[in-house]
Amino acid sequence: MKKILSLGLVMILTLSMLTACGGGNSENNTPSNSVPSNNENSSTPASDNKKTEDNKTSTATFENGVLTTDAAIIEITGYRVIPVGSPEHVSGWGGYPILEIMFSYTNLSKGERSPLMTFISYIFPYQGEEMKERCTLAGYTDGTDYAIAPGETFAGGISYVLEEDTVIFNLLAEVFLEKIGTMTLDLTGHL
């Protein structure tokens, strides 16, 4: 039953994200397939008191690619661009390159939580410097999603559809609709 509920939530969130960016023509794309070091990104830290799901005051931060809340720790561990035509390219997005973001997730909550659902609940992706529209979710690293118990850590990835000319990719961290900070991934040389 948990798997069916989790799958249903993933499908609903995926459909809601499909109206975002991810268009254009990428026939002449030759992106790099390497994972740059975490030194090629920047984070804007901010910490404010927030209300948790238990109505307690908490402090959430997003610094150096690590989002820390009372319920979770999500660390961005790397990223890479998967070019059109690559055997690793996610099917269904044939005309667009894919950005795969690798992350680890530690469940600090009192109950089981889904790594994918937690990631997309807290971290919102935007292409370009203006951060006007969220990007289209392309998939999960292994195509499955499951809940992990309190105290457990998961390592995997999440993928987004790229415009062919995307150079700046932003991750906005929000906790209960409050902006915590941003992280910028520089894709120069990877598209």
Protein backbone atom coordinates (compact mmCIF):
# COMPACT_ATOMS: atom_id res chain seq x y z
CA MET A 1 0.00 0.00 0.00
CA LYS A 2 2.89 2.37 0.85
CA LYS A 3 4.44 1.77 -2.58
CA ILE A 4 1.15 2.50 -4.36
CA LEU A 5 0.64 5.71 -2.35
CA SER A 6 4.24 6.79 -2.96
CA LEU A 7 3.94 6.09 -6.70
CA GLY A 8 0.69 8.06 -6.84
CA LEU A 9 2.28 11.08 -5.14
CA VAL A 10 5.28 10.94 -7.47
CA MET A 11 2.97 10.85 -10.50
CA ILE A 12 0.93 13.82 -9.25
CA LEU A 13 4.02 15.91 -8.55
CA THR A 14 5.60 14.93 -11.87
CA LEU A 15 2.50 15.96 -13.80
CA SER A 16 2.36 19.29 -11.96
CA MET A 17 5.96 20.00 -12.93
CA LEU A 18 5.50 19.18 -16.63
CA THR A 19 4.33 22.72 -17.41
CA ALA A 20 7.76 24.12 -16.61
CA CYS A 21 10.84 24.68 -18.75
CA GLY A 22 12.44 22.14 -21.07
CA GLY A 23 11.83 23.21 -24.64
CA GLY A 24 13.85 24.22 -27.63
CA ASN A 25 15.80 22.35 -30.24
CA SER A 26 18.90 20.45 -29.19
CA GLU A 27 19.89 18.64 -32.40
CA ASN A 28 23.37 20.18 -32.48
CA ASN A 29 24.16 19.55 -28.82
CA THR A 30 27.50 18.16 -27.71
CA PRO A 31 27.38 18.35 -23.90
CA SER A 32 30.03 16.99 -21.60
CA ASN A 33 29.24 13.94 -19.51
CA SER A 34 31.57 14.66 -16.59
CA VAL A 35 30.75 15.42 -12.99
CA PRO A 36 32.48 18.63 -11.90
CA SER A 37 33.66 19.16 -8.37
CA ASN A 38 31.40 20.82 -5.84
CA ASN A 39 33.72 23.83 -5.93
CA GLU A 40 32.07 24.88 -9.20
CA ASN A 41 28.86 25.93 -7.49
CA SER A 42 27.86 28.54 -4.98
CA SER A 43 25.25 28.70 -2.29
CA THR A 44 23.52 31.65 -0.75
CA PRO A 45 23.00 30.86 2.91
CA ALA A 46 20.13 32.19 4.96
CA SER A 47 18.70 30.93 8.18
CA ASP A 48 15.47 31.98 9.81
CA ASN A 49 13.22 30.50 12.42
CA LYS A 50 10.58 28.30 10.74
CA LYS A 51 7.59 26.33 11.93
CA THR A 52 8.01 22.57 11.64
CA GLU A 53 5.29 20.01 10.97
CA ASP A 54 4.97 19.71 14.78
CA ASN A 55 4.60 23.52 15.13
CA LYS A 56 7.99 23.79 16.83
CA THR A 57 10.43 26.50 15.88
CA SER A 58 13.35 25.25 13.82
CA THR A 59 16.32 26.68 11.99
CA ALA A 60 16.87 25.53 8.43
CA THR A 61 19.98 26.30 6.39
CA PHE A 62 21.17 25.75 2.82
CA GLU A 63 24.93 26.25 2.71
CA ASN A 64 27.60 24.74 0.44
CA GLY A 65 25.04 22.48 -1.20
CA VAL A 66 23.68 21.07 2.07
CA LEU A 67 20.08 21.67 3.15
CA THR A 68 19.59 21.00 6.85
CA THR A 69 16.17 21.00 8.49
CA ASP A 70 14.71 19.36 11.59
CA ALA A 71 13.34 16.57 9.38
CA ALA A 72 16.06 16.04 6.76
CA ILE A 73 19.59 16.59 5.55
CA ILE A 74 19.93 16.78 1.76
CA GLU A 75 23.42 17.16 0.32
CA ILE A 76 24.07 17.88 -3.37
CA THR A 77 27.06 15.64 -4.10
CA GLY A 78 27.56 16.26 -7.83
CA TYR A 79 25.92 16.77 -11.20
CA ARG A 80 26.39 15.99 -14.86
CA VAL A 81 24.76 16.66 -18.20
CA ILE A 82 23.61 13.61 -20.15
CA PRO A 83 23.62 14.50 -23.87
CA VAL A 84 20.94 13.60 -26.38
CA GLY A 85 21.78 10.24 -27.94
CA SER A 86 23.72 8.94 -24.94
CA PRO A 87 22.82 5.38 -23.83
CA GLU A 88 22.21 6.85 -20.35
CA HIS A 89 19.72 9.42 -21.66
CA VAL A 90 16.27 9.16 -20.05
CA SER A 91 13.73 7.87 -22.56
CA GLY A 92 10.79 10.11 -23.34
CA TRP A 93 12.94 13.25 -23.53
CA GLY A 94 14.68 12.50 -26.83
CA GLY A 95 15.17 16.08 -27.99
CA TYR A 96 16.58 17.56 -24.80
CA PRO A 97 19.72 17.07 -22.72
CA ILE A 98 19.20 15.90 -19.15
CA LEU A 99 20.81 17.30 -16.00
CA GLU A 100 21.35 14.62 -13.36
CA ILE A 101 21.86 15.91 -9.83
CA MET A 102 23.35 13.44 -7.36
CA PHE A 103 22.36 13.79 -3.71
CA SER A 104 22.30 12.07 -0.37
CA TYR A 105 19.29 12.24 1.93
CA THR A 106 19.24 11.48 5.64
CA ASN A 107 15.83 11.05 7.26
CA LEU A 108 15.71 12.95 10.56
CA SER A 109 11.92 12.77 10.92
CA LYS A 110 9.96 10.52 13.27
CA GLY A 111 8.51 8.37 10.47
CA GLU A 112 9.44 6.83 7.12
CA ARG A 113 10.03 9.34 4.32
CA SER A 114 10.61 9.13 0.57
CA PRO A 115 13.97 10.57 -0.59
CA LEU A 116 12.45 11.72 -3.92
CA MET A 117 9.36 13.30 -2.38
CA THR A 118 11.47 15.05 0.27
CA PHE A 119 13.90 16.40 -2.35
CA ILE A 120 11.18 17.82 -4.60
CA SER A 121 9.30 19.20 -1.59
CA TYR A 122 12.29 21.26 -0.41
CA ILE A 123 14.40 21.96 -3.52
CA PHE A 124 13.04 23.69 -6.61
CA PRO A 125 15.04 23.82 -9.88
CA TYR A 126 15.17 26.79 -12.26
CA GLN A 127 17.07 27.41 -15.49
CA GLY A 128 18.68 30.76 -16.14
CA GLU A 129 19.53 33.64 -13.89
CA GLU A 130 16.03 35.04 -13.39
CA MET A 131 14.51 31.89 -11.85
CA LYS A 132 11.09 32.52 -13.40
CA GLU A 133 9.90 28.96 -14.02
CA ARG A 134 10.62 25.61 -12.43
CA CYS A 135 12.13 22.91 -14.62
CA THR A 136 10.58 19.67 -15.75
CA LEU A 137 11.32 16.60 -13.67
CA ALA A 138 12.71 13.90 -15.95
CA GLY A 139 13.10 11.05 -13.49
CA TYR A 140 14.75 9.35 -10.59
CA THR A 141 18.11 7.60 -10.89
CA ASP A 142 16.86 4.02 -10.64
CA GLY A 143 13.24 4.67 -11.66
CA THR A 144 11.89 3.68 -8.25
CA ASP A 145 11.01 5.45 -5.07
CA TYR A 146 10.60 4.09 -1.60
CA ALA A 147 10.51 5.28 1.99
CA ILE A 148 13.45 5.05 4.34
CA ALA A 149 13.27 4.76 8.12
CA PRO A 150 14.30 7.48 10.56
CA GLY A 151 18.09 7.75 10.80
CA GLU A 152 18.72 6.03 7.44
CA THR A 153 20.62 7.65 4.57
CA PHE A 154 19.92 7.27 0.85
CA ALA A 155 22.27 8.15 -2.03
CA GLY A 156 20.91 8.60 -5.54
CA GLY A 157 20.01 11.16 -8.13
CA ILE A 158 17.23 13.14 -9.73
CA SER A 159 17.08 14.37 -13.34
CA TYR A 160 15.71 17.49 -15.00
CA VAL A 161 15.12 18.44 -18.65
CA LEU A 162 17.47 21.16 -19.95
CA GLU A 163 17.10 23.81 -22.59
CA GLU A 164 19.96 23.38 -25.04
CA ASP A 165 21.48 26.77 -24.20
CA THR A 166 21.20 26.54 -20.41
CA VAL A 167 24.39 27.71 -18.72
CA ILE A 168 23.06 28.66 -15.28
CA PHE A 169 20.94 26.20 -13.29
CA ASN A 170 19.62 27.26 -9.89
CA LEU A 171 18.35 25.22 -6.98
CA LEU A 172 16.11 27.13 -4.59
CA ALA A 173 15.67 25.62 -1.12
CA GLU A 174 12.39 26.36 0.61
CA VAL A 175 11.02 25.03 3.88
CA PHE A 176 7.30 25.59 4.44
CA LEU A 177 7.26 28.17 1.62
CA GLU A 178 10.06 30.19 3.23
CA LYS A 179 13.17 30.74 1.09
CA ILE A 180 16.24 29.29 2.80
CA GLY A 181 18.85 29.88 0.08
CA THR A 182 19.97 29.09 -3.46
CA MET A 183 22.70 27.08 -5.10
CA THR A 184 23.92 27.85 -8.62
CA LEU A 185 25.32 25.14 -10.90
CA ASP A 186 27.49 26.49 -13.72
CA LEU A 187 26.97 24.27 -16.77
CA THR A 188 29.46 26.16 -18.94
CA GLY A 189 31.38 23.59 -20.97
CA HIS A 190 28.93 20.81 -20.23
CA LEU A 191 26.43 21.55 -23.01
